PDB file of N, CA and C in Angstrom:
ATOM      1  N   MET A   1      26.639 -16.304  45.446  1.00  0.00           N
ATOM      2  CA  MET A   1      26.081 -17.202  45.709  1.00  0.00           C
ATOM      3  C   MET A   1      24.466 -16.616  45.989  1.00  0.00           C
ATOM      4  N   TYR A   2      24.372 -15.128  46.024  1.00  0.00           N
ATOM      5  CA  TYR A   2      22.853 -15.210  46.167  1.00  0.00           C
ATOM      6  C   TYR A   2      22.081 -15.630  44.760  1.00  0.00           C
ATOM      7  N   VAL A   3      22.758 -15.524  44.012  1.00  0.00           N
ATOM      8  CA  VAL A   3      22.102 -15.788  42.709  1.00  0.00           C
ATOM      9  C   VAL A   3      21.673 -17.443  42.607  1.00  0.00           C
ATOM     10  N   THR A   4      22.451 -17.969  43.192  1.00  0.00           N
ATOM     11  CA  THR A   4      22.304 -19.636  43.362  1.00  0.00           C
ATOM     12  C   THR A   4      21.086 -19.619  44.523  1.00  0.00           C
ATOM     13  N   ILE A   5      21.192 -19.231  45.226  1.00  0.00           N
ATOM     14  CA  ILE A   5      19.867 -19.551  45.927  1.00  0.00           C
ATOM     15  C   ILE A   5      18.569 -18.689  45.797  1.00  0.00           C
ATOM     16  N   ALA A   6      18.479 -17.349  44.571  1.00  0.00           N
ATOM     17  CA  ALA A   6      17.140 -17.075  43.774  1.00  0.00           C
ATOM     18  C   ALA A   6      16.868 -18.188  42.927  1.00  0.00           C
ATOM     19  N   ALA A   7      18.119 -18.404  42.140  1.00  0.00           N
ATOM     20  CA  ALA A   7      17.882 -19.620  41.256  1.00  0.00           C
ATOM     21  C   ALA A   7      16.768 -20.762  41.900  1.00  0.00           C
ATOM     22  N   VAL A   8      17.688 -21.184  43.152  1.00  0.00           N
ATOM     23  CA  VAL A   8      16.988 -22.443  43.574  1.00  0.00           C
ATOM     24  C   VAL A   8      15.407 -22.167  44.246  1.00  0.00           C
ATOM     25  N   LEU A   9      15.177 -21.331  44.500  1.00  0.00           N
ATOM     26  CA  LEU A   9      14.176 -20.335  45.126  1.00  0.00           C
ATOM     27  C   LEU A   9      13.396 -20.440  43.875  1.00  0.00           C
ATOM     28  N   THR A  10      13.534 -19.929  42.807  1.00  0.00           N
ATOM     29  CA  THR A  10      12.636 -19.878  41.666  1.00  0.00           C
ATOM     30  C   THR A  10      12.410 -20.545  40.961  1.00  0.00           C
ATOM     31  N   THR A  11      13.212 -22.084  41.075  1.00  0.00           N
ATOM     32  CA  THR A  11      12.896 -22.924  40.608  1.00  0.00           C
ATOM     33  C   THR A  11      11.921 -23.629  41.780  1.00  0.00           C
ATOM     34  N   ALA A  12      12.033 -23.979  42.451  1.00  0.00           N
ATOM     35  CA  ALA A  12      11.105 -24.350  43.711  1.00  0.00           C
ATOM     36  C   ALA A  12       9.811 -23.822  43.585  1.00  0.00           C
ATOM     37  N   ALA A  13       9.675 -22.557  43.472  1.00  0.00           N
ATOM     38  CA  ALA A  13       8.397 -21.825  43.215  1.00  0.00           C
ATOM     39  C   ALA A  13       7.727 -22.237  41.893  1.00  0.00           C
ATOM     40  N   LEU A  14       8.462 -22.358  40.552  1.00  0.00           N
ATOM     41  CA  LEU A  14       8.002 -22.921  39.576  1.00  0.00           C
ATOM     42  C   LEU A  14       7.509 -24.021  39.731  1.00  0.00           C
ATOM     43  N   ALA A  15       8.089 -24.886  40.618  1.00  0.00           N
ATOM     44  CA  ALA A  15       8.107 -26.613  40.437  1.00  0.00           C
ATOM     45  C   ALA A  15       6.301 -26.800  41.597  1.00  0.00           C
ATOM     46  N   ALA A  16       6.592 -25.791  42.472  1.00  0.00           N
ATOM     47  CA  ALA A  16       5.354 -25.565  43.338  1.00  0.00           C
ATOM     48  C   ALA A  16       4.034 -25.334  42.469  1.00  0.00           C
ATOM     49  N   GLY A  17       4.376 -24.173  42.076  1.00  0.00           N
ATOM     50  CA  GLY A  17       3.174 -23.517  41.048  1.00  0.00           C
ATOM     51  C   GLY A  17       2.871 -25.037  39.800  1.00  0.00           C
ATOM     52  N   LEU A  18       3.544 -25.550  39.524  1.00  0.00           N
ATOM     53  CA  LEU A  18       3.490 -26.258  38.252  1.00  0.00           C
ATOM     54  C   LEU A  18       2.680 -27.678  38.969  1.00  0.00           C
ATOM     55  N   ALA A  19       2.878 -27.979  39.656  1.00  0.00           N
ATOM     56  CA  ALA A  19       2.337 -29.155  40.913  1.00  0.00           C
ATOM     57  C   ALA A  19       1.006 -29.107  41.317  1.00  0.00           C
ATOM     58  N   TRP A  20       0.892 -27.285  41.535  1.00  0.00           N
ATOM     59  CA  TRP A  20      -0.304 -27.089  41.910  1.00  0.00           C
ATOM     60  C   TRP A  20      -1.659 -27.091  41.206  1.00  0.00           C
ATOM     61  N   ARG A  21      -0.850 -26.425  40.183  1.00  0.00           N
ATOM     62  CA  ARG A  21      -1.818 -26.495  38.320  1.00  0.00           C
ATOM     63  C   ARG A  21      -2.464 -27.864  38.597  1.00  0.00           C
ATOM     64  N   HIS A  22      -1.282 -28.975  38.397  1.00  0.00           N
ATOM     65  CA  HIS A  22      -1.935 -30.000  37.502  1.00  0.00           C
ATOM     66  C   HIS A  22      -2.668 -30.256  38.591  1.00  0.00           C
ATOM     67  N   ALA A  23      -2.468 -30.334  40.162  1.00  0.00           N
ATOM     68  CA  ALA A  23      -3.203 -31.122  40.875  1.00  0.00           C
ATOM     69  C   ALA A  23      -4.793 -30.096  40.831  1.00  0.00           C
ATOM     70  N   ARG A  24      -4.794 -29.039  40.700  1.00  0.00           N
ATOM     71  CA  ARG A  24      -5.948 -28.185  40.097  1.00  0.00           C
ATOM     72  C   ARG A  24      -6.756 -28.906  39.203  1.00  0.00           C
ATOM     73  N   SER A  25      -5.877 -28.939  38.234  1.00  0.00           N
ATOM     74  CA  SER A  25      -6.582 -30.005  37.027  1.00  0.00           C
ATOM     75  C   SER A  25      -7.188 -31.038  36.968  1.00  0.00           C
ATOM     76  N   VAL A  26      -6.295 -32.121  37.894  1.00  0.00           N
ATOM     77  CA  VAL A  26      -6.767 -33.382  38.218  1.00  0.00           C
ATOM     78  C   VAL A  26      -7.842 -33.352  38.580  1.00  0.00           C
ATOM     79  N   ARG A  27      -7.933 -32.575  39.811  1.00  0.00           N
ATOM     80  CA  ARG A  27      -9.323 -32.677  40.567  1.00  0.00           C
ATOM     81  C   ARG A  27     -10.785 -31.805  40.113  1.00  0.00           C
ATOM     82  N   ARG A  28     -10.464 -30.990  38.938  1.00  0.00           N
ATOM     83  CA  ARG A  28     -11.047 -30.869  38.056  1.00  0.00           C
ATOM     84  C   ARG A  28     -11.889 -32.162  37.097  1.00  0.00           C
ATOM     85  N   ALA A  29     -10.623 -32.496  36.872  1.00  0.00           N
ATOM     86  CA  ALA A  29     -11.218 -33.864  35.704  1.00  0.00           C
ATOM     87  C   ALA A  29     -11.993 -35.199  36.541  1.00  0.00           C
ATOM     88  N   LEU A  30     -11.549 -34.598  37.991  1.00  0.00           N
ATOM     89  CA  LEU A  30     -12.104 -36.066  38.735  1.00  0.00           C
ATOM     90  C   LEU A  30     -13.713 -36.022  38.973  1.00  0.00           C
ATOM     91  N   VAL A  31     -13.724 -34.139  39.316  1.00  0.00           N
ATOM     92  CA  VAL A  31     -15.127 -34.087  39.800  1.00  0.00           C
ATOM     93  C   VAL A  31     -16.217 -34.016  38.616  1.00  0.00           C
ATOM     94  N   LEU A  32     -15.477 -33.832  37.267  1.00  0.00           N
ATOM     95  CA  LEU A  32     -16.647 -33.764  35.904  1.00  0.00           C
ATOM     96  C   LEU A  32     -16.265 -35.434  35.689  1.00  0.00           C
ATOM     97  N   GLU A  33     -15.828 -36.187  35.688  1.00  0.00           N
ATOM     98  CA  GLU A  33     -15.870 -37.893  36.001  1.00  0.00           C
ATOM     99  C   GLU A  33     -17.333 -38.250  36.545  1.00  0.00           C
ATOM    100  N   ARG A  34     -16.882 -37.584  38.253  1.00  0.00           N
ATOM    101  CA  ARG A  34     -17.994 -38.335  39.156  1.00  0.00           C
ATOM    102  C   ARG A  34     -19.470 -37.643  38.630  1.00  0.00           C
ATOM    103  N   ALA A  35     -19.238 -36.399  38.556  1.00  0.00           N
ATOM    104  CA  ALA A  35     -20.971 -36.046  37.414  1.00  0.00           C
ATOM    105  C   ALA A  35     -21.356 -36.916  35.978  1.00  0.00           C
ATOM    106  N   ALA A  36     -20.088 -37.041  35.402  1.00  0.00           N
ATOM    107  CA  ALA A  36     -20.763 -37.910  34.227  1.00  0.00           C
ATOM    108  C   ALA A  36     -20.945 -39.384  34.589  1.00  0.00           C
ATOM    109  N   ARG A  37     -20.674 -39.776  35.804  1.00  0.00           N
ATOM    110  CA  ARG A  37     -21.177 -41.253  36.463  1.00  0.00           C
ATOM    111  C   ARG A  37     -22.256 -41.016  37.053  1.00  0.00           C
ATOM    112  N   ARG A  38     -22.550 -39.924  37.563  1.00  0.00           N
ATOM    113  CA  ARG A  38     -24.006 -39.647  38.206  1.00  0.00           C
ATOM    114  C   ARG A  38     -25.276 -39.304  37.261  1.00  0.00           C
ATOM    115  N   LEU A  39     -24.819 -38.889  36.454  1.00  0.00           N
ATOM    116  CA  LEU A  39     -25.740 -38.783  34.961  1.00  0.00           C
ATOM    117  C   LEU A  39     -26.238 -40.202  34.041  1.00  0.00           C
ATOM    118  N   THR A  40     -24.862 -40.643  34.380  1.00  0.00           N
ATOM    119  CA  THR A  40     -24.877 -42.214  33.404  1.00  0.00           C
ATOM    120  C   THR A  40     -25.815 -43.151  34.250  1.00  0.00           C
ATOM    121  N   GLU A  41     -26.071 -42.760  35.628  1.00  0.00           N
ATOM    122  CA  GLU A  41     -26.581 -43.981  36.339  1.00  0.00           C
ATOM    123  C   GLU A  41     -28.262 -43.370  36.363  1.00  0.00           C
ATOM    124  N   ALA A  42     -27.987 -42.544  36.687  1.00  0.00           N
ATOM    125  CA  ALA A  42     -29.636 -41.717  36.743  1.00  0.00           C
ATOM    126  C   ALA A  42     -29.980 -41.814  35.090  1.00  0.00           C
ATOM    127  N   ALA A  43     -29.551 -41.854  34.103  1.00  0.00           N
ATOM    128  CA  ALA A  43     -30.363 -42.373  32.877  1.00  0.00           C
ATOM    129  C   ALA A  43     -30.471 -43.644  32.563  1.00  0.00           C
ATOM    130  N   GLN A  44     -29.538 -44.471  33.642  1.00  0.00           N
ATOM    131  CA  GLN A  44     -29.628 -46.121  33.071  1.00  0.00           C
ATOM    132  C   GLN A  44     -31.245 -46.546  34.152  1.00  0.00           C
ATOM    133  N   HIS A  45     -30.974 -45.710  35.817  1.00  0.00           N
ATOM    134  CA  HIS A  45     -32.375 -46.130  36.458  1.00  0.00           C
ATOM    135  C   HIS A  45     -33.432 -45.908  36.126  1.00  0.00           C
ATOM    136  N   ARG A  46     -33.604 -44.663  34.874  1.00  0.00           N
ATOM    137  CA  ARG A  46     -34.687 -44.063  33.992  1.00  0.00           C
ATOM    138  C   ARG A  46     -35.323 -45.177  33.124  1.00  0.00           C
ATOM    139  N   ASP A  47     -34.066 -45.616  32.687  1.00  0.00           N
ATOM    140  CA  ASP A  47     -34.497 -46.525  31.096  1.00  0.00           C
ATOM    141  C   ASP A  47     -34.804 -47.953  31.780  1.00  0.00           C
ATOM    142  N   LEU A  48     -34.165 -48.000  32.635  1.00  0.00           N
ATOM    143  CA  LEU A  48     -34.695 -49.816  33.023  1.00  0.00           C
ATOM    144  C   LEU A  48     -36.159 -49.383  33.420  1.00  0.00           C
ATOM    145  N   ASP A  49     -36.500 -48.214  34.700  1.00  0.00           N
ATOM    146  CA  ASP A  49     -37.703 -48.472  34.915  1.00  0.00           C
ATOM    147  C   ASP A  49     -38.607 -48.135  33.864  1.00  0.00           C
ATOM    148  N   ALA A  50     -38.531 -47.508  32.507  1.00  0.00           N
ATOM    149  CA  ALA A  50     -39.255 -47.830  31.826  1.00  0.00           C
ATOM    150  C   ALA A  50     -39.716 -48.857  30.891  1.00  0.00           C
ATOM    151  N   PHE A  51     -38.207 -49.714  31.115  1.00  0.00           N
ATOM    152  CA  PHE A  51     -38.363 -50.773  30.203  1.00  0.00           C
ATOM    153  C   PHE A  51     -39.149 -52.256  30.754  1.00  0.00           C
ATOM    154  N   ARG A  52     -38.884 -51.812  32.159  1.00  0.00           N
ATOM    155  CA  ARG A  52     -40.002 -52.553  33.410  1.00  0.00           C
ATOM    156  C   ARG A  52     -41.128 -52.350  33.050  1.00  0.00           C
ATOM    157  N   ARG A  53     -41.696 -51.054  32.829  1.00  0.00           N
ATOM    158  CA  ARG A  53     -43.382 -50.794  32.794  1.00  0.00           C
ATOM    159  C   ARG A  53     -43.752 -51.454  31.190  1.00  0.00           C
ATOM    160  N   ARG A  54     -42.914 -50.940  30.376  1.00  0.00           N
ATOM    161  CA  ARG A  54     -43.656 -51.553  28.879  1.00  0.00           C
ATOM    162  C   ARG A  54     -43.571 -53.216  29.173  1.00  0.00           C
ATOM    163  N   LEU A  55     -42.375 -53.864  29.826  1.00  0.00           N
ATOM    164  CA  LEU A  55     -42.604 -55.028  29.775  1.00  0.00           C
ATOM    165  C   LEU A  55     -43.821 -55.774  30.659  1.00  0.00           C
ATOM    166  N   ASP A  56     -43.785 -54.805  31.953  1.00  0.00           N
ATOM    167  CA  ASP A  56     -45.279 -55.135  32.350  1.00  0.00           C
ATOM    168  C   ASP A  56     -46.513 -55.316  31.922  1.00  0.00           C
ATOM    169  N   ALA A  57     -46.359 -54.147  30.848  1.00  0.00           N
ATOM    170  CA  ALA A  57     -48.006 -53.873  30.167  1.00  0.00           C
ATOM    171  C   ALA A  57     -47.938 -55.086  28.834  1.00  0.00           C
ATOM    172  N   ALA A  58     -46.952 -55.154  28.453  1.00  0.00           N
ATOM    173  CA  ALA A  58     -47.192 -56.262  27.439  1.00  0.00           C
ATOM    174  C   ALA A  58     -47.419 -57.726  28.152  1.00  0.00           C
ATOM    175  N   MET A  59     -46.607 -57.835  29.132  1.00  0.00           N
ATOM    176  CA  MET A  59     -47.281 -58.904  29.887  1.00  0.00           C
ATOM    177  C   MET A  59     -48.499 -59.394  30.435  1.00  0.00           C
ATOM    178  N   ALA A  60     -49.026 -58.538  30.711  1.00  0.00           N
ATOM    179  CA  ALA A  60     -50.630 -57.913  31.237  1.00  0.00           C
ATOM    180  C   ALA A  60     -51.693 -58.518  30.164  1.00  0.00           C
ATOM    181  N   GLU A  61     -51.126 -57.887  28.798  1.00  0.00           N
ATOM    182  CA  GLU A  61     -52.008 -57.770  27.533  1.00  0.00           C
ATOM    183  C   GLU A  61     -51.998 -59.270  27.246  1.00  0.00           C
ATOM    184  N   GLN A  62     -50.184 -59.849  27.206  1.00  0.00           N
ATOM    185  CA  GLN A  62     -50.335 -61.593  26.953  1.00  0.00           C
ATOM    186  C   GLN A  62     -51.479 -62.287  27.752  1.00  0.00           C
ATOM    187  N   ARG A  63     -51.453 -61.650  29.076  1.00  0.00           N
ATOM    188  CA  ARG A  63     -52.487 -62.796  30.102  1.00  0.00           C
ATOM    189  C   ARG A  63     -53.868 -62.447  29.617  1.00  0.00           C
ATOM    190  N   VAL A  64     -53.906 -61.315  29.281  1.00  0.00           N
ATOM    191  CA  VAL A  64     -55.634 -60.845  28.780  1.00  0.00           C
ATOM    192  C   VAL A  64     -55.786 -61.818  27.125  1.00  0.00           C
ATOM    193  N   LEU A  65     -54.747 -61.734  26.680  1.00  0.00           N
ATOM    194  CA  LEU A  65     -55.160 -62.387  25.497  1.00  0.00           C
ATOM    195  C   LEU A  65     -55.322 -64.101  25.342  1.00  0.00           C
ATOM    196  N   GLU A  66     -54.150 -64.559  26.461  1.00  0.00           N
ATOM    197  CA  GLU A  66     -54.546 -65.909  27.224  1.00  0.00           C
ATOM    198  C   GLU A  66     -55.270 -66.569  27.193  1.00  0.00           C
ATOM    199  N   ALA A  67     -56.502 -65.828  28.265  1.00  0.00           N
ATOM    200  CA  ALA A  67     -57.947 -65.548  28.799  1.00  0.00           C
ATOM    201  C   ALA A  67     -58.673 -65.706  28.021  1.00  0.00           C
ATOM    202  N   ALA A  68     -58.591 -64.995  27.156  1.00  0.00           N
ATOM    203  CA  ALA A  68     -59.619 -64.263  26.081  1.00  0.00           C
ATOM    204  C   ALA A  68     -59.515 -65.907  25.089  1.00  0.00           C
ATOM    205  N   ASP A  69     -58.079 -66.492  25.088  1.00  0.00           N
ATOM    206  CA  ASP A  69     -58.174 -67.623  24.258  1.00  0.00           C
ATOM    207  C   ASP A  69     -58.691 -68.926  24.654  1.00  0.00           C
ATOM    208  N   ARG A  70     -58.824 -68.986  26.120  1.00  0.00           N
ATOM    209  CA  ARG A  70     -59.392 -70.346  27.008  1.00  0.00           C
ATOM    210  C   ARG A  70     -60.644 -69.801  26.545  1.00  0.00           C
ATOM    211  N   ILE A  71     -61.372 -68.671  27.111  1.00  0.00           N
ATOM    212  CA  ILE A  71     -62.734 -68.634  27.283  1.00  0.00           C
ATOM    213  C   ILE A  71     -63.086 -69.089  25.324  1.00  0.00           C
ATOM    214  N   VAL A  72     -62.270 -68.758  24.549  1.00  0.00           N
ATOM    215  CA  VAL A  72     -63.179 -68.981  23.020  1.00  0.00           C
ATOM    216  C   VAL A  72     -63.164 -70.545  22.896  1.00  0.00           C
ATOM    217  N   ASP A  73     -61.768 -71.358  23.255  1.00  0.00           N
ATOM    218  CA  ASP A  73     -61.321 -72.694  23.536  1.00  0.00           C
ATOM    219  C   ASP A  73     -62.923 -73.268  24.100  1.00  0.00           C
ATOM    220  N   ASP A  74     -63.165 -73.130  25.054  1.00  0.00           N
ATOM    221  CA  ASP A  74     -64.215 -73.682  25.849  1.00  0.00           C
ATOM    222  C   ASP A  74     -65.514 -73.538  25.177  1.00  0.00           C
ATOM    223  N   ALA A  75     -65.693 -72.289  25.054  1.00  0.00           N
ATOM    224  CA  ALA A  75     -67.063 -72.053  24.159  1.00  0.00           C
ATOM    225  C   ALA A  75     -67.210 -72.617  23.068  1.00  0.00           C
ATOM    226  N   LEU A  76     -66.008 -73.201  21.994  1.00  0.00           N
ATOM    227  CA  LEU A  76     -66.017 -73.739  21.421  1.00  0.00           C
ATOM    228  C   LEU A  76     -66.083 -75.323  21.533  1.00  0.00           C
ATOM    229  N   ALA A  77     -65.917 -75.754  22.549  1.00  0.00           N
ATOM    230  CA  ALA A  77     -65.715 -76.938  22.552  1.00  0.00           C
ATOM    231  C   ALA A  77     -66.825 -77.233  23.470  1.00  0.00           C
ATOM    232  N   ARG A  78     -67.629 -76.750  23.685  1.00  0.00           N
ATOM    233  CA  ARG A  78     -69.096 -76.845  24.393  1.00  0.00           C
ATOM    234  C   ARG A  78     -70.074 -77.195  23.344  1.00  0.00           C
ATOM    235  N   THR A  79     -69.496 -75.758  22.153  1.00  0.00           N
ATOM    236  CA  THR A  79     -70.717 -76.136  21.070  1.00  0.00           C
ATOM    237  C   THR A  79     -70.271 -76.538  20.057  1.00  0.00           C
ATOM    238  N   THR A  80     -69.092 -77.552  20.267  1.00  0.00           N
ATOM    239  CA  THR A  80     -68.968 -78.337  18.483  1.00  0.00           C
ATOM    240  C   THR A  80     -69.494 -79.781  18.640  1.00  0.00           C
ATOM    241  N   HIS A  81     -70.198 -80.593  17.817  1.00  0.00           N
ATOM    242  CA  HIS A  81     -71.084 -80.972  17.496  1.00  0.00           C
ATOM    243  C   HIS A  81     -70.416 -82.385  16.429  1.00  0.00           C
ATOM    244  N   ASP A  82     -70.230 -83.653  17.252  1.00  0.00           N
ATOM    245  CA  ASP A  82     -70.039 -84.775  16.437  1.00  0.00           C
ATOM    246  C   ASP A  82     -70.459 -85.259  15.202  1.00  0.00           C
ATOM    247  N   PRO A  83     -69.915 -84.749  13.727  1.00  0.00           N
ATOM    248  CA  PRO A  83     -70.698 -85.000  12.536  1.00  0.00           C
ATOM    249  C   PRO A  83     -71.384 -86.450  12.567  1.00  0.00           C
ATOM    250  N   GLN A  84     -70.815 -87.313  13.059  1.00  0.00           N
ATOM    251  CA  GLN A  84     -71.085 -88.626  12.827  1.00  0.00           C
ATOM    252  C   GLN A  84     -72.476 -89.185  13.969  1.00  0.00           C
ATOM    253  N   GLU A  85     -72.606 -88.494  14.424  1.00  0.00           N
ATOM    254  CA  GLU A  85     -73.881 -88.686  14.733  1.00  0.00           C
ATOM    255  C   GLU A  85     -74.811 -88.312  14.389  1.00  0.00           C
ATOM    256  N   GLY A  86     -75.123 -87.298  13.424  1.00  0.00           N
ATOM    257  CA  GLY A  86     -75.970 -86.670  12.459  1.00  0.00           C
ATOM    258  C   GLY A  86     -76.529 -85.259  12.647  1.00  0.00           C
ATOM    259  N   ASP A  87     -75.641 -84.719  13.670  1.00  0.00           N
ATOM    260  CA  ASP A  87     -75.979 -83.259  14.138  1.00  0.00           C
ATOM    261  C   ASP A  87     -75.096 -82.495  13.103  1.00  0.00           C
ATOM    262  N   THR A  88     -75.238 -81.178  12.557  1.00  0.00           N
ATOM    263  CA  THR A  88     -74.650 -80.586  11.780  1.00  0.00           C
ATOM    264  C   THR A  88     -74.137 -79.044  12.651  1.00  0.00           C
ATOM    265  N   PRO A  89     -73.198 -78.371  12.235  1.00  0.00           N
ATOM    266  CA  PRO A  89     -72.936 -78.024  13.345  1.00  0.00           C
ATOM    267  C   PRO A  89     -73.622 -76.087  12.771  1.00  0.00           C
TER     268      PRO A  89
END
């Protein structure tokens, strides 16, 4: 009878130890997963900020080029002569 009680207690202690070890392993995995998620979110935020800065710079450059185009077109429109009127460019 004492052997049976000892076997049951040993089995219960072993099961509790394995359950604790599994729970600790799952907790560690969860901590690592959360850390990976935070790193991924930070990298995504950083990359999106960099993309927005590059896009803003490209759009500003495009606006400058469009303004220069309008200035050149206006200047050409004012200085162009009609060849049928006898004027030569």
